[in-house]
C-alpha cells in the first residue's frame, strides 16, 4: 500500500471560550498546556501525527490570527501546510477547505482529521488504530470515525450506535453506523448510556478526500457552493481573496450535524486507547486525579474544609487557595481573573456570556 497518500489534518481554529479565563481569544487552549503534560495540546497532536505520516503530509487548519502561534510552537511546519481560515465557521467549512487543498495536491489522498485538544494515553495503540483505519478506508468508500466507550452522559459529544450493538464493539473491527446523534440533551444521553449500545464519537475521522468531497456536496451544498472554482483558486495568488469570499457565505455548522448524521457511508472503529477530549472545565475535572473528597486540584497550595466535588485551578500561581463549605463548584484563579461558578458546563457557558460586554474586552 502506498503510504505517501496518507495525510493528517489537525483542526486548531477554535477560540476555546469554554476554557476562559485561562484560554483567551488571543491565546486559546490548543496553544496551552492546560493538562500540565509539559507540552501544549497542538504540539502533542503534531508529534503524534509524526508517528503516522511524514511531516510533509501534516496540515494544520487554524484561524489567520493564530498563524504566529502555530509557527512559534511548530516552527518546522512547512508554510504551505498551514491552512488559514479568515474566521471560524465551525468544523464543516474547515474540513471542506482542507479537503480541497489536499485534492489539489493529491487526488488519491487518504485523510485523518484530528482535533488539536485531545489527550491520548497510549500513543502506540493510537498509531496502530489510525493505521488500521487507513487500511480500511483505502479499500472501502466510507466515512470512518473512531468510537470511545462512554463513561458518563456527557452532552458535549456525539453518540454513535452501530449495527450489532454492544457485542459487536468487542470485535475490534470497523462497524457500520446505525444512528449518529450529535450532542444530545441530558435525558437522551442518559438513555444512550443506559442501553450500552452507544459509543462517543471521538471527533477523529478518516476517509478518502474524494469521498468526503462528494458527501459534502450531497449533504452540505450551502458550504460546497461557496467553494465553486476552488480548482483554479487554491494554490494561486488569489487564494486568500477566494477563501475570504467563500467563508463569508458559509453557514456555521459542524461536520457532525452537516454530514455524519445524514450520510449512509458512516462507519465507526471502536478505539481501545485512553482518550480525553479536554474541551470544557468539566472535562478537565474528569481528567484530573481527585482527593478523598472528590476535589480535582491543579494548584500549588490549597486549604479545603467541608469542600467536595470542586475543581480548583491556579496555574503558575503561588498563592494559597482556601475553600470552605463549597460543593460542585469551580474556582479558577488567573493573573487577571478569578472565576467562582457551579461546575456545570451549561451554567458556566451562560454565565460567561457576560464577558462579551465592551467593558470586559481586555479580559476576553
Protein backbone atom coordinates (compact mmCIF):
# COMPACT_ATOMS: atom_id res chain seq x y z
CA UNK A 1 0.00 0.00 0.00
CA UNK A 2 1.25 3.50 -0.86
CA UNK A 3 1.55 5.27 2.49
CA UNK A 4 2.57 8.51 0.72
CA UNK A 5 -1.15 9.03 0.10
CA UNK A 6 -1.83 9.33 3.84
CA UNK A 7 -2.33 12.79 5.35
CA UNK A 8 -3.14 14.11 8.82
CA UNK A 9 -5.13 17.33 9.15
CA UNK A 10 -5.06 18.96 12.59
CA UNK A 11 -8.03 21.20 13.38
CA UNK A 12 -6.81 24.10 15.55
CA UNK A 13 -9.02 27.07 14.80
CA UNK A 14 -11.28 27.20 17.86
CA UNK A 15 -11.32 30.15 20.25
CA UNK A 16 -11.52 27.91 23.34
CA UNK A 17 -14.13 30.10 25.03
CA UNK A 18 -15.34 27.28 27.29
CA UNK A 19 -11.91 27.33 28.95
CA UNK A 20 -11.99 31.01 29.81
CA UNK A 21 -10.29 32.67 31.71
CA UNK A 22 -7.17 30.54 31.10
CA UNK A 23 -7.96 30.28 27.39
CA UNK A 24 -8.22 33.75 25.85
CA UNK A 25 -9.32 34.87 22.40
CA UNK A 26 -5.74 35.82 21.54
CA UNK A 27 -4.25 32.62 23.00
CA UNK A 28 -6.79 29.75 23.05
CA UNK A 29 -6.41 26.40 24.75
CA UNK A 30 -4.89 24.44 21.86
CA UNK A 31 -1.76 26.56 22.34
CA UNK A 32 -1.66 25.95 26.11
CA UNK A 33 -0.60 23.11 28.38
CA UNK A 34 -3.93 23.02 30.23
CA UNK A 35 -3.47 19.41 31.36
CA UNK A 36 0.09 20.10 32.62
CA UNK A 37 1.75 17.43 30.48
CA UNK A 38 4.79 19.54 29.61
CA UNK A 39 3.65 20.24 26.03
CA UNK A 40 0.82 22.24 24.52
CA UNK A 41 -2.14 20.42 23.03
CA UNK A 42 -1.22 21.27 19.45
CA UNK A 43 2.41 20.25 19.91
CA UNK A 44 1.36 16.88 21.31
CA UNK A 45 -1.03 16.31 18.42
CA UNK A 46 1.60 17.22 15.85
CA UNK A 47 4.16 14.84 17.36
CA UNK A 48 1.52 12.11 17.46
CA UNK A 49 0.93 12.59 13.73
CA UNK A 50 4.66 12.28 13.02
CA UNK A 51 4.42 8.64 14.06
CA UNK A 52 1.81 8.05 11.35
CA UNK A 53 2.72 10.16 8.31
CA UNK A 54 5.74 12.15 7.04
CA UNK A 55 6.00 15.75 8.25
CA UNK A 56 5.24 17.00 4.71
CA UNK A 57 1.85 15.26 4.96
CA UNK A 58 0.67 17.08 8.10
CA UNK A 59 -1.61 20.09 7.61
CA UNK A 60 -2.83 22.43 10.33
CA UNK A 61 -6.09 24.32 9.85
CA UNK A 62 -6.37 27.38 12.05
CA UNK A 63 -7.61 30.95 12.09
CA UNK A 64 -5.41 33.51 10.37
CA UNK A 65 -4.99 35.35 13.68
CA UNK A 66 -3.32 32.26 15.19
CA UNK A 67 -0.74 31.69 12.45
CA UNK A 68 2.13 33.13 14.52
CA UNK A 69 1.24 30.90 17.48
CA UNK A 70 1.40 27.85 15.21
CA UNK A 71 4.73 28.95 13.76
CA UNK A 72 6.09 29.55 17.24
CA UNK A 73 5.06 26.14 18.58
CA UNK A 74 5.65 24.11 15.40
CA UNK A 75 8.45 26.03 13.63
CA UNK A 76 9.28 23.06 11.40
CA UNK A 77 5.84 23.06 9.75
CA UNK A 78 6.10 23.85 6.04
CA UNK A 79 4.40 27.21 5.27
CA UNK A 80 2.23 25.61 2.57
CA UNK A 81 0.91 23.17 5.19
CA UNK A 82 -0.63 25.94 7.27
CA UNK A 83 -4.23 26.33 6.09
CA UNK A 84 -5.57 29.66 7.30
CA UNK A 85 -9.25 30.42 7.80
CA UNK A 86 -10.26 34.11 7.75
CA UNK A 87 -12.55 33.34 10.69
CA UNK A 88 -14.18 30.34 12.29
CA UNK A 89 -17.23 28.78 10.70
CA UNK A 90 -17.13 25.53 12.72
CA UNK A 91 -15.73 22.20 11.53
CA UNK A 92 -17.63 21.57 8.29
CA UNK A 93 -16.18 24.55 6.36
CA UNK A 94 -12.72 23.80 7.80
CA UNK A 95 -12.96 20.22 6.54
CA UNK A 96 -14.15 21.44 3.14
CA UNK A 97 -11.26 23.88 2.76
CA UNK A 98 -8.58 21.39 3.82
CA UNK A 99 -10.11 18.74 1.55
CA UNK A 100 -9.84 20.99 -1.48
CA UNK A 101 -6.22 21.80 -0.57
CA UNK A 102 -5.40 18.09 -0.47
CA UNK A 103 -7.31 17.23 -3.64
CA UNK A 104 -5.27 19.88 -5.45
CA UNK A 105 -2.08 18.20 -4.25
CA UNK A 106 -3.10 14.56 -4.46
CA UNK A 107 -6.46 13.39 -5.83
CA UNK A 108 -5.89 9.99 -4.19
CA UNK A 109 -5.31 11.42 -0.70
CA UNK A 110 -6.40 9.41 2.36
CA UNK A 111 -7.11 11.76 5.23
CA UNK A 112 -7.21 11.59 9.02
CA UNK A 113 -8.88 14.59 10.68
CA UNK A 114 -7.70 15.17 14.26
CA UNK A 115 -8.78 17.81 16.78
CA UNK A 116 -5.85 19.59 18.42
CA UNK A 117 -7.06 19.37 22.02
CA UNK A 118 -7.26 15.65 22.82
CA UNK A 119 -5.23 13.70 25.35
CA UNK A 120 -4.23 10.19 24.25
CA UNK A 121 -2.89 7.86 26.93
CA UNK A 122 -1.30 5.25 24.65
CA UNK A 123 0.34 6.79 21.59
CA UNK A 124 1.50 3.44 20.20
CA UNK A 125 -2.00 1.97 20.29
CA UNK A 126 -3.35 5.21 18.85
CA UNK A 127 -0.92 4.97 15.91
CA UNK A 128 -1.85 1.33 15.36
CA UNK A 129 -5.55 2.18 15.37
CA UNK A 130 -5.15 5.03 12.89
CA UNK A 131 -3.02 2.88 10.56
CA UNK A 132 -5.62 0.10 10.67
CA UNK A 133 -8.34 2.63 9.86
CA UNK A 134 -6.24 3.99 6.99
CA UNK A 135 -6.01 0.50 5.53
CA UNK A 136 -9.76 0.07 5.76
CA UNK A 137 -10.65 3.35 4.04
CA UNK A 138 -8.11 2.62 1.30
CA UNK A 139 -10.23 -0.41 0.36
CA UNK A 140 -13.71 0.82 1.31
CA UNK A 141 -15.50 4.00 0.29
CA UNK A 142 -16.67 5.02 3.78
CA UNK A 143 -16.52 7.90 6.27
CA UNK A 144 -14.84 6.47 9.37
CA UNK A 145 -14.95 7.87 12.89
CA UNK A 146 -13.30 6.47 15.99
CA UNK A 147 -15.56 5.47 18.90
CA UNK A 148 -14.89 5.61 22.63
CA UNK A 149 -16.76 3.68 25.34
CA UNK A 150 -18.66 6.40 27.26
CA UNK A 151 -18.23 6.82 31.00
CA UNK A 152 -20.94 9.41 31.69
CA UNK A 153 -23.95 11.04 29.94
CA UNK A 154 -21.91 13.94 28.58
CA UNK A 155 -23.86 16.29 26.31
CA UNK A 156 -20.75 17.72 24.65
CA UNK A 157 -20.11 14.66 22.48
CA UNK A 158 -21.75 12.90 19.57
CA UNK A 159 -23.21 9.43 20.26
CA UNK A 160 -22.92 6.60 17.77
CA UNK A 161 -24.89 3.35 17.62
CA UNK A 162 -23.52 0.67 15.29
CA UNK A 163 -25.24 -2.35 13.83
CA UNK A 164 -24.59 -5.28 16.15
CA UNK A 165 -24.69 -3.21 19.33
CA UNK A 166 -22.53 -3.82 22.38
CA UNK A 167 -21.41 -7.29 21.35
CA UNK A 168 -20.09 -6.04 18.01
CA UNK A 169 -17.84 -3.50 19.73
CA UNK A 170 -15.67 -6.31 21.04
CA UNK A 171 -14.71 -7.46 17.56
CA UNK A 172 -12.10 -4.75 17.09
CA UNK A 173 -13.36 -4.30 13.54
CA UNK A 174 -14.98 -1.33 11.78
CA UNK A 175 -18.78 -1.34 12.03
CA UNK A 176 -21.46 0.37 10.00
CA UNK A 177 -23.20 3.14 11.91
CA UNK A 178 -26.91 2.73 12.60
CA UNK A 179 -27.55 6.13 14.22
CA UNK A 180 -25.37 9.19 14.78
CA UNK A 181 -26.65 11.82 17.23
CA UNK A 182 -24.61 14.99 17.66
CA UNK A 183 -24.67 16.42 21.21
CA UNK A 184 -27.99 15.12 22.59
CA UNK A 185 -29.65 16.67 25.63
CA UNK A 186 -29.02 15.22 29.08
CA UNK A 187 -32.08 12.95 29.16
CA UNK A 188 -31.31 11.41 25.78
CA UNK A 189 -27.62 10.99 26.68
CA UNK A 190 -28.67 9.08 29.81
CA UNK A 191 -30.87 6.80 27.68
CA UNK A 192 -27.95 6.15 25.33
CA UNK A 193 -25.63 5.31 28.22
CA UNK A 194 -28.26 3.03 29.76
CA UNK A 195 -28.54 0.87 26.65
CA UNK A 196 -24.83 0.13 26.50
CA UNK A 197 -25.11 0.24 22.71
CA UNK A 198 -23.63 3.66 22.07
CA UNK A 199 -20.09 4.95 21.74
CA UNK A 200 -18.85 8.51 21.92
CA UNK A 201 -17.74 9.97 18.62
CA UNK A 202 -14.09 10.85 19.30
CA UNK A 203 -14.14 13.52 16.59
CA UNK A 204 -11.29 11.72 14.81
CA UNK A 205 -12.31 10.97 11.24
CA UNK A 206 -10.72 9.10 8.33
CA UNK A 207 -11.76 8.98 4.68
CA UNK A 208 -10.71 9.41 1.11
CA UNK A 209 -10.59 13.08 0.18
CA UNK A 210 -12.76 12.33 -2.86
CA UNK A 211 -15.37 10.59 -0.69
CA UNK A 212 -15.83 13.41 1.82
CA UNK A 213 -15.89 15.88 -1.07
CA UNK A 214 -18.82 14.03 -2.68
CA UNK A 215 -20.67 13.59 0.61
CA UNK A 216 -20.35 17.29 1.45
CA UNK A 217 -21.64 18.20 -1.99
CA UNK A 218 -24.60 15.93 -1.28
CA UNK A 219 -25.38 16.94 2.32
CA UNK A 220 -23.93 20.45 2.77
CA UNK A 221 -24.40 22.15 -0.61
CA UNK A 222 -24.68 25.52 1.13
CA UNK A 223 -21.00 25.11 2.04
CA UNK A 224 -19.59 23.49 -1.10
CA UNK A 225 -21.33 26.05 -3.33
CA UNK A 226 -19.23 28.76 -1.68
CA UNK A 227 -16.06 26.99 -2.84
CA UNK A 228 -17.09 26.78 -6.51
CA UNK A 229 -13.97 27.39 -8.58
CA UNK A 230 -11.58 26.07 -5.94
CA UNK A 231 -9.58 24.11 -8.52
CA UNK A 232 -8.22 27.32 -10.04
CA UNK A 233 -8.11 29.45 -6.88
CA UNK A 234 -6.35 27.20 -4.35
CA UNK A 235 -2.59 27.41 -4.66
CA UNK A 236 -2.81 30.59 -6.73
CA UNK A 237 -2.19 34.24 -5.84
CA UNK A 238 -5.94 34.80 -5.41
CA UNK A 239 -6.43 32.01 -2.85
CA UNK A 240 -6.72 34.31 0.20
CA UNK A 241 -9.27 36.54 -1.54
CA UNK A 242 -11.21 33.49 -2.75
CA UNK A 243 -11.31 31.92 0.73
CA UNK A 244 -12.36 35.21 2.34
CA UNK A 245 -15.33 35.36 -0.01
CA UNK A 246 -16.15 31.66 0.47
CA UNK A 247 -16.16 31.88 4.26
CA UNK A 248 -18.33 34.99 4.23
CA UNK A 249 -21.15 32.93 2.74
CA UNK A 250 -20.54 29.67 4.65
CA UNK A 251 -23.06 28.61 7.30
CA UNK A 252 -21.67 27.91 10.78
CA UNK A 253 -22.15 24.15 11.08
CA UNK A 254 -20.28 21.18 12.48
CA UNK A 255 -19.33 18.14 10.43
CA UNK A 256 -21.45 16.00 12.76
CA UNK A 257 -24.65 17.90 12.07
CA UNK A 258 -23.85 18.61 8.44
CA UNK A 259 -22.67 15.23 7.21
CA UNK A 260 -22.30 12.40 9.73
CA UNK A 261 -25.93 12.46 10.90
CA UNK A 262 -27.12 12.22 7.27
CA UNK A 263 -24.69 10.12 5.27
CA UNK A 264 -25.21 6.43 4.55
CA UNK A 265 -21.44 5.91 4.37
CA UNK A 266 -20.76 6.39 8.10
CA UNK A 267 -18.70 3.69 9.87
CA UNK A 268 -17.11 3.54 13.29
CA UNK A 269 -13.95 1.89 14.58
CA UNK A 270 -14.14 1.12 18.34
CA UNK A 271 -10.92 2.50 19.85
CA UNK A 272 -9.18 0.96 22.85
CA UNK A 273 -6.60 3.64 23.65
CA UNK A 274 -7.14 6.06 26.53
CA UNK A 275 -8.84 9.23 25.32
CA UNK A 276 -9.92 12.53 26.81
CA UNK A 277 -11.41 15.47 24.98
CA UNK A 278 -10.38 18.36 27.21
CA UNK A 279 -12.89 20.81 25.83
CA UNK A 280 -14.53 22.18 28.98
CA UNK A 281 -13.79 22.69 32.66
CA UNK A 282 -15.99 19.70 33.49
CA UNK A 283 -13.91 17.50 31.19
CA UNK A 284 -10.74 18.71 32.90
CA UNK A 285 -12.32 17.85 36.25
CA UNK A 286 -12.98 14.34 34.98
CA UNK A 287 -9.35 14.04 33.86
CA UNK A 288 -7.51 15.32 36.96
CA UNK A 289 -6.99 12.83 39.85
CA UNK A 290 -9.26 13.51 42.83
CA UNK A 291 -8.60 13.76 46.56
CA UNK A 292 -10.65 11.77 49.09
CA UNK A 293 -13.43 14.35 48.82
CA UNK A 294 -13.56 14.21 45.02
CA UNK A 295 -11.89 17.60 44.62
CA UNK A 296 -9.74 17.96 41.47
CA UNK A 297 -6.87 20.31 42.25
CA UNK A 298 -4.34 21.94 39.95
CA UNK A 299 -2.81 24.50 42.31
CA UNK A 300 0.37 24.76 44.34
CA UNK A 301 -1.23 25.10 47.79
CA UNK A 302 -4.81 24.66 48.98
CA UNK A 303 -6.66 24.62 52.29
CA UNK A 304 -10.01 22.82 52.00
CA UNK A 305 -12.64 22.29 54.67
CA UNK A 306 -16.07 20.77 54.09
CA UNK A 307 -15.42 21.01 50.35
CA UNK A 308 -16.45 18.26 47.95
CA UNK A 309 -16.51 17.71 44.21
CA UNK A 310 -14.82 21.00 43.33
CA UNK A 311 -12.37 21.90 40.57
CA UNK A 312 -9.63 24.24 41.76
CA UNK A 313 -7.16 25.60 39.21
CA UNK A 314 -4.46 28.20 39.79
CA UNK A 315 -1.84 27.83 37.03
CA UNK A 316 1.64 29.05 37.93
CA UNK A 317 0.38 30.89 41.00
CA UNK A 318 2.00 30.59 44.42
CA UNK A 319 -0.93 31.91 46.43
CA UNK A 320 -2.88 29.75 48.86
CA UNK A 321 -6.39 28.83 47.68
CA UNK A 322 -8.62 28.38 50.74
CA UNK A 323 -12.13 26.96 50.28
CA UNK A 324 -14.75 26.11 52.91
CA UNK A 325 -18.31 24.84 52.59
CA UNK A 326 -18.32 24.60 48.81
CA UNK A 327 -19.51 21.64 46.74
CA UNK A 328 -19.51 21.03 42.99
CA UNK A 329 -18.03 24.41 42.16
CA UNK A 330 -15.09 25.54 40.08
CA UNK A 331 -12.55 28.05 41.35
CA UNK A 332 -10.30 29.26 38.53
CA UNK A 333 -7.65 31.80 39.50
CA UNK A 334 -5.53 33.52 36.84
CA UNK A 335 -3.44 36.69 36.68
CA UNK A 336 -6.35 38.90 35.62
CA UNK A 337 -9.50 36.97 36.53
CA UNK A 338 -10.99 34.90 39.34
CA UNK A 339 -13.98 32.73 38.46
CA UNK A 340 -16.19 31.03 41.06
CA UNK A 341 -19.07 29.21 39.43
CA UNK A 342 -21.04 25.95 39.69
CA UNK A 343 -19.16 23.10 38.00
CA UNK A 344 -21.69 22.73 35.21
CA UNK A 345 -20.83 23.35 31.57
CA UNK A 346 -24.19 24.89 30.66
CA UNK A 347 -24.28 27.19 33.69
CA UNK A 348 -20.72 28.26 33.01
CA UNK A 349 -21.46 28.94 29.35
CA UNK A 350 -24.48 31.05 30.26
CA UNK A 351 -22.51 32.86 32.96
CA UNK A 352 -19.52 33.85 30.84
CA UNK A 353 -21.67 35.20 28.04
CA UNK A 354 -21.47 38.39 30.08
CA UNK A 355 -17.81 38.91 29.18
CA UNK A 356 -18.92 39.80 25.67
CA UNK A 357 -19.85 43.23 27.04
CA UNK A 358 -17.49 46.00 25.90
CA UNK A 359 -16.26 46.81 29.42
CA UNK A 360 -14.76 43.29 29.71
CA UNK A 361 -12.91 43.31 26.40
CA UNK A 362 -9.43 43.32 27.96
CA UNK A 363 -10.28 40.14 29.91
CA UNK A 364 -11.51 38.10 26.93
